[in-house]
Amino acid sequence: MSRSQQSASSASPGERIRDAAVAGRAQFGIVVEALSRLDKDSPDVAGAIPDHGRIIAFRNILIHGYAAVDDRIVWGVIENHLASPRNAVEVQLAKA
């Protein structure tokens, strides 16, 4: 077992949530930065993505640290609220 696997297996549930949220924040930030640019370059396409404005605003909170955000909230958003925007992005990509 590698050191990272040992470390992960001994981590508490809270630590695993935090680690997943940190990784999720980084990936979320990259994807939403692209969405933000799309909103500027092609607002009609970005407008087809549900809640794109709220998604961009949430990314700004996470990236710029406007407020302390509980990692459980971040993970909850990733797990429960990204299916609809993801589906809309897939539709737009299929049209391209």
N, C-alpha and C. Protein backbone atom coordinates (compact mmCIF):
# COMPACT_ATOMS: atom_id res chain seq x y z
N MET A 1 0.85 -1.17 0.00
CA MET A 1 0.00 0.00 0.00
C MET A 1 0.90 1.24 0.00
N SER A 2 0.59 2.19 -0.89
CA SER A 2 1.40 3.40 -0.97
C SER A 2 1.15 4.29 0.24
N ARG A 3 2.05 5.23 0.42
CA ARG A 3 1.93 6.17 1.55
C ARG A 3 0.63 6.97 1.46
N SER A 4 0.28 7.40 0.23
CA SER A 4 -0.96 8.18 0.08
C SER A 4 -2.18 7.31 0.35
N GLN A 5 -2.13 6.01 -0.04
CA GLN A 5 -3.24 5.12 0.26
C GLN A 5 -3.36 4.89 1.76
N GLN A 6 -2.22 4.73 2.44
CA GLN A 6 -2.24 4.56 3.88
C GLN A 6 -2.82 5.80 4.54
N SER A 7 -2.37 6.94 4.06
CA SER A 7 -2.85 8.20 4.63
C SER A 7 -4.35 8.35 4.41
N ALA A 8 -4.82 8.01 3.20
CA ALA A 8 -6.24 8.14 2.90
C ALA A 8 -7.07 7.16 3.72
N SER A 9 -6.55 5.95 3.90
CA SER A 9 -7.33 4.95 4.64
C SER A 9 -7.40 5.28 6.13
N SER A 10 -6.45 6.02 6.64
CA SER A 10 -6.48 6.35 8.06
C SER A 10 -7.14 7.70 8.33
N ALA A 11 -7.53 8.38 7.27
CA ALA A 11 -8.16 9.70 7.43
C ALA A 11 -9.57 9.53 7.98
N SER A 12 -9.97 10.48 8.79
CA SER A 12 -11.33 10.48 9.33
C SER A 12 -12.31 10.86 8.21
N PRO A 13 -13.60 10.56 8.39
CA PRO A 13 -14.57 10.98 7.38
C PRO A 13 -14.52 12.48 7.11
N GLY A 14 -14.33 13.28 8.15
CA GLY A 14 -14.24 14.73 7.96
C GLY A 14 -13.03 15.12 7.13
N GLU A 15 -11.91 14.45 7.35
CA GLU A 15 -10.71 14.73 6.57
C GLU A 15 -10.89 14.33 5.11
N ARG A 16 -11.57 13.20 4.89
CA ARG A 16 -11.82 12.77 3.51
C ARG A 16 -12.75 13.74 2.80
N ILE A 17 -13.76 14.24 3.50
CA ILE A 17 -14.66 15.23 2.91
C ILE A 17 -13.87 16.49 2.57
N ARG A 18 -13.03 16.93 3.50
CA ARG A 18 -12.22 18.14 3.26
C ARG A 18 -11.32 17.94 2.05
N ASP A 19 -10.64 16.80 1.99
CA ASP A 19 -9.73 16.54 0.86
C ASP A 19 -10.48 16.51 -0.46
N ALA A 20 -11.65 15.85 -0.47
CA ALA A 20 -12.45 15.80 -1.68
C ALA A 20 -12.95 17.19 -2.06
N ALA A 21 -13.33 17.97 -1.07
CA ALA A 21 -13.82 19.33 -1.35
C ALA A 21 -12.70 20.21 -1.90
N VAL A 22 -11.49 20.06 -1.37
CA VAL A 22 -10.36 20.85 -1.88
C VAL A 22 -10.10 20.49 -3.33
N ALA A 23 -10.07 19.19 -3.64
CA ALA A 23 -9.87 18.76 -5.02
C ALA A 23 -11.02 19.22 -5.90
N GLY A 24 -12.23 19.11 -5.38
CA GLY A 24 -13.40 19.55 -6.12
C GLY A 24 -13.39 21.04 -6.39
N ARG A 25 -12.94 21.82 -5.41
CA ARG A 25 -12.84 23.28 -5.61
C ARG A 25 -11.92 23.62 -6.76
N ALA A 26 -10.78 22.94 -6.82
CA ALA A 26 -9.81 23.21 -7.87
C ALA A 26 -10.39 22.88 -9.24
N GLN A 27 -11.00 21.71 -9.38
CA GLN A 27 -11.59 21.32 -10.65
C GLN A 27 -12.78 22.21 -11.00
N PHE A 28 -13.61 22.49 -10.01
CA PHE A 28 -14.76 23.36 -10.21
C PHE A 28 -14.31 24.74 -10.69
N GLY A 29 -13.25 25.25 -10.06
CA GLY A 29 -12.74 26.57 -10.44
C GLY A 29 -12.31 26.62 -11.89
N ILE A 30 -11.66 25.58 -12.36
CA ILE A 30 -11.19 25.54 -13.76
C ILE A 30 -12.38 25.50 -14.71
N VAL A 31 -13.34 24.64 -14.43
CA VAL A 31 -14.50 24.50 -15.31
C VAL A 31 -15.31 25.80 -15.34
N VAL A 32 -15.50 26.40 -14.17
CA VAL A 32 -16.33 27.60 -14.12
C VAL A 32 -15.60 28.81 -14.69
N GLU A 33 -14.30 28.83 -14.64
CA GLU A 33 -13.55 29.89 -15.32
C GLU A 33 -13.84 29.83 -16.81
N ALA A 34 -13.89 28.62 -17.36
CA ALA A 34 -14.25 28.46 -18.77
C ALA A 34 -15.68 28.92 -19.02
N LEU A 35 -16.60 28.60 -18.11
CA LEU A 35 -17.98 29.05 -18.23
C LEU A 35 -18.06 30.58 -18.19
N SER A 36 -17.29 31.19 -17.33
CA SER A 36 -17.26 32.65 -17.22
C SER A 36 -16.79 33.28 -18.54
N ARG A 37 -15.76 32.71 -19.13
CA ARG A 37 -15.28 33.22 -20.43
C ARG A 37 -16.32 33.00 -21.52
N LEU A 38 -16.99 31.84 -21.48
CA LEU A 38 -18.05 31.57 -22.45
C LEU A 38 -19.16 32.60 -22.30
N ASP A 39 -19.50 32.96 -21.07
CA ASP A 39 -20.54 33.95 -20.82
C ASP A 39 -20.18 35.30 -21.45
N LYS A 40 -18.91 35.64 -21.45
CA LYS A 40 -18.46 36.90 -22.05
C LYS A 40 -18.41 36.81 -23.57
N ASP A 41 -17.93 35.67 -24.08
CA ASP A 41 -17.74 35.51 -25.53
C ASP A 41 -19.01 35.11 -26.27
N SER A 42 -19.82 34.26 -25.66
CA SER A 42 -21.04 33.74 -26.29
C SER A 42 -22.16 33.65 -25.25
N PRO A 43 -22.70 34.79 -24.85
CA PRO A 43 -23.71 34.78 -23.80
C PRO A 43 -24.94 33.93 -24.13
N ASP A 44 -25.27 33.82 -25.41
CA ASP A 44 -26.42 32.99 -25.78
C ASP A 44 -26.16 31.51 -25.48
N VAL A 45 -24.95 31.05 -25.71
CA VAL A 45 -24.60 29.66 -25.41
C VAL A 45 -24.55 29.45 -23.89
N ALA A 46 -23.90 30.35 -23.19
CA ALA A 46 -23.82 30.24 -21.72
C ALA A 46 -25.21 30.29 -21.11
N GLY A 47 -26.10 31.08 -21.71
CA GLY A 47 -27.46 31.20 -21.20
C GLY A 47 -28.25 29.91 -21.27
N ALA A 48 -27.80 28.97 -22.10
CA ALA A 48 -28.47 27.68 -22.19
C ALA A 48 -28.11 26.75 -21.04
N ILE A 49 -27.15 27.16 -20.23
CA ILE A 49 -26.71 26.35 -19.08
C ILE A 49 -27.46 26.86 -17.85
N PRO A 50 -28.29 26.00 -17.25
CA PRO A 50 -29.09 26.43 -16.10
C PRO A 50 -28.23 27.01 -14.97
N ASP A 51 -28.68 28.12 -14.44
CA ASP A 51 -28.03 28.76 -13.30
C ASP A 51 -26.58 29.15 -13.54
N HIS A 52 -26.22 29.43 -14.79
CA HIS A 52 -24.81 29.74 -15.06
C HIS A 52 -24.34 30.95 -14.26
N GLY A 53 -25.18 31.93 -14.06
CA GLY A 53 -24.79 33.10 -13.27
C GLY A 53 -24.52 32.74 -11.81
N ARG A 54 -25.36 31.89 -11.25
CA ARG A 54 -25.16 31.46 -9.86
C ARG A 54 -23.91 30.59 -9.73
N ILE A 55 -23.66 29.77 -10.74
CA ILE A 55 -22.47 28.92 -10.73
C ILE A 55 -21.21 29.79 -10.73
N ILE A 56 -21.21 30.80 -11.58
CA ILE A 56 -20.05 31.70 -11.65
C ILE A 56 -19.89 32.46 -10.33
N ALA A 57 -20.98 32.90 -9.75
CA ALA A 57 -20.91 33.62 -8.47
C ALA A 57 -20.36 32.71 -7.36
N PHE A 58 -20.79 31.45 -7.34
CA PHE A 58 -20.30 30.51 -6.33
C PHE A 58 -18.81 30.27 -6.51
N ARG A 59 -18.37 30.15 -7.75
CA ARG A 59 -16.94 29.98 -8.03
C ARG A 59 -16.15 31.18 -7.50
N ASN A 60 -16.68 32.37 -7.70
CA ASN A 60 -15.99 33.57 -7.22
C ASN A 60 -15.85 33.56 -5.70
N ILE A 61 -16.87 33.10 -5.01
CA ILE A 61 -16.81 32.99 -3.55
C ILE A 61 -15.71 32.02 -3.16
N LEU A 62 -15.66 30.87 -3.83
CA LEU A 62 -14.67 29.85 -3.50
C LEU A 62 -13.25 30.30 -3.80
N ILE A 63 -13.05 30.84 -4.98
CA ILE A 63 -11.70 31.17 -5.44
C ILE A 63 -11.16 32.42 -4.76
N HIS A 64 -11.98 33.42 -4.60
CA HIS A 64 -11.49 34.69 -4.07
C HIS A 64 -11.66 34.82 -2.56
N GLY A 65 -12.25 33.81 -1.95
CA GLY A 65 -12.37 33.80 -0.49
C GLY A 65 -13.21 34.92 0.07
N TYR A 66 -14.31 35.24 -0.62
CA TYR A 66 -15.19 36.30 -0.12
C TYR A 66 -15.76 35.95 1.25
N ALA A 67 -15.88 34.69 1.51
CA ALA A 67 -16.41 34.24 2.80
C ALA A 67 -15.87 32.83 3.06
N ALA A 68 -15.82 32.49 4.31
CA ALA A 68 -15.42 31.11 4.64
C ALA A 68 -16.57 30.20 4.25
N VAL A 69 -16.27 29.18 3.48
CA VAL A 69 -17.29 28.26 3.00
C VAL A 69 -17.00 26.89 3.60
N ASP A 70 -18.01 26.31 4.20
CA ASP A 70 -17.91 24.99 4.80
C ASP A 70 -17.68 23.96 3.69
N ASP A 71 -16.66 23.11 3.85
CA ASP A 71 -16.34 22.11 2.84
C ASP A 71 -17.51 21.16 2.58
N ARG A 72 -18.35 20.93 3.59
CA ARG A 72 -19.51 20.06 3.38
C ARG A 72 -20.50 20.69 2.41
N ILE A 73 -20.59 22.02 2.43
CA ILE A 73 -21.47 22.71 1.49
C ILE A 73 -20.92 22.57 0.08
N VAL A 74 -19.61 22.76 -0.07
CA VAL A 74 -18.98 22.62 -1.38
C VAL A 74 -19.23 21.21 -1.92
N TRP A 75 -18.97 20.21 -1.10
CA TRP A 75 -19.16 18.84 -1.54
C TRP A 75 -20.64 18.58 -1.87
N GLY A 76 -21.54 19.14 -1.09
CA GLY A 76 -22.97 18.97 -1.36
C GLY A 76 -23.36 19.56 -2.71
N VAL A 77 -22.81 20.71 -3.03
CA VAL A 77 -23.08 21.33 -4.33
C VAL A 77 -22.55 20.45 -5.45
N ILE A 78 -21.33 19.97 -5.29
CA ILE A 78 -20.72 19.11 -6.31
C ILE A 78 -21.55 17.85 -6.51
N GLU A 79 -21.97 17.24 -5.42
CA GLU A 79 -22.70 15.98 -5.48
C GLU A 79 -24.14 16.14 -5.96
N ASN A 80 -24.80 17.23 -5.58
CA ASN A 80 -26.25 17.31 -5.74
C ASN A 80 -26.78 18.33 -6.73
N HIS A 81 -25.94 19.25 -7.19
CA HIS A 81 -26.50 20.35 -7.98
C HIS A 81 -25.83 20.57 -9.33
N LEU A 82 -24.97 19.69 -9.76
CA LEU A 82 -24.27 19.94 -11.01
C LEU A 82 -24.76 19.08 -12.18
N ALA A 83 -25.70 18.18 -11.94
CA ALA A 83 -26.17 17.30 -13.01
C ALA A 83 -26.84 18.08 -14.14
N SER A 84 -27.74 18.99 -13.80
CA SER A 84 -28.46 19.74 -14.83
C SER A 84 -27.51 20.63 -15.65
N PRO A 85 -26.63 21.42 -15.02
CA PRO A 85 -25.68 22.19 -15.82
C PRO A 85 -24.77 21.28 -16.66
N ARG A 86 -24.35 20.16 -16.10
CA ARG A 86 -23.48 19.25 -16.86
C ARG A 86 -24.20 18.74 -18.10
N ASN A 87 -25.45 18.34 -17.95
CA ASN A 87 -26.22 17.86 -19.10
C ASN A 87 -26.36 18.94 -20.16
N ALA A 88 -26.59 20.17 -19.73
CA ALA A 88 -26.72 21.28 -20.67
C ALA A 88 -25.41 21.53 -21.41
N VAL A 89 -24.29 21.42 -20.71
CA VAL A 89 -22.98 21.58 -21.36
C VAL A 89 -22.78 20.48 -22.39
N GLU A 90 -23.14 19.25 -22.04
CA GLU A 90 -22.99 18.14 -22.99
C GLU A 90 -23.82 18.37 -24.25
N VAL A 91 -25.03 18.92 -24.09
CA VAL A 91 -25.88 19.24 -25.24
C VAL A 91 -25.19 20.29 -26.11
N GLN A 92 -24.66 21.34 -25.47
CA GLN A 92 -23.99 22.40 -26.23
C GLN A 92 -22.75 21.87 -26.95
N LEU A 93 -22.00 20.98 -26.30
CA LEU A 93 -20.82 20.40 -26.93
C LEU A 93 -21.20 19.53 -28.14
N ALA A 94 -22.31 18.84 -28.02
CA ALA A 94 -22.77 18.01 -29.14
C ALA A 94 -23.17 18.85 -30.35
N LYS A 95 -23.62 20.07 -30.08
CA LYS A 95 -24.01 20.97 -31.17
C LYS A 95 -22.79 21.58 -31.88
N ALA A 96 -21.66 21.63 -31.17
CA ALA A 96 -20.47 22.30 -31.72
C ALA A 96 -19.83 21.51 -32.84
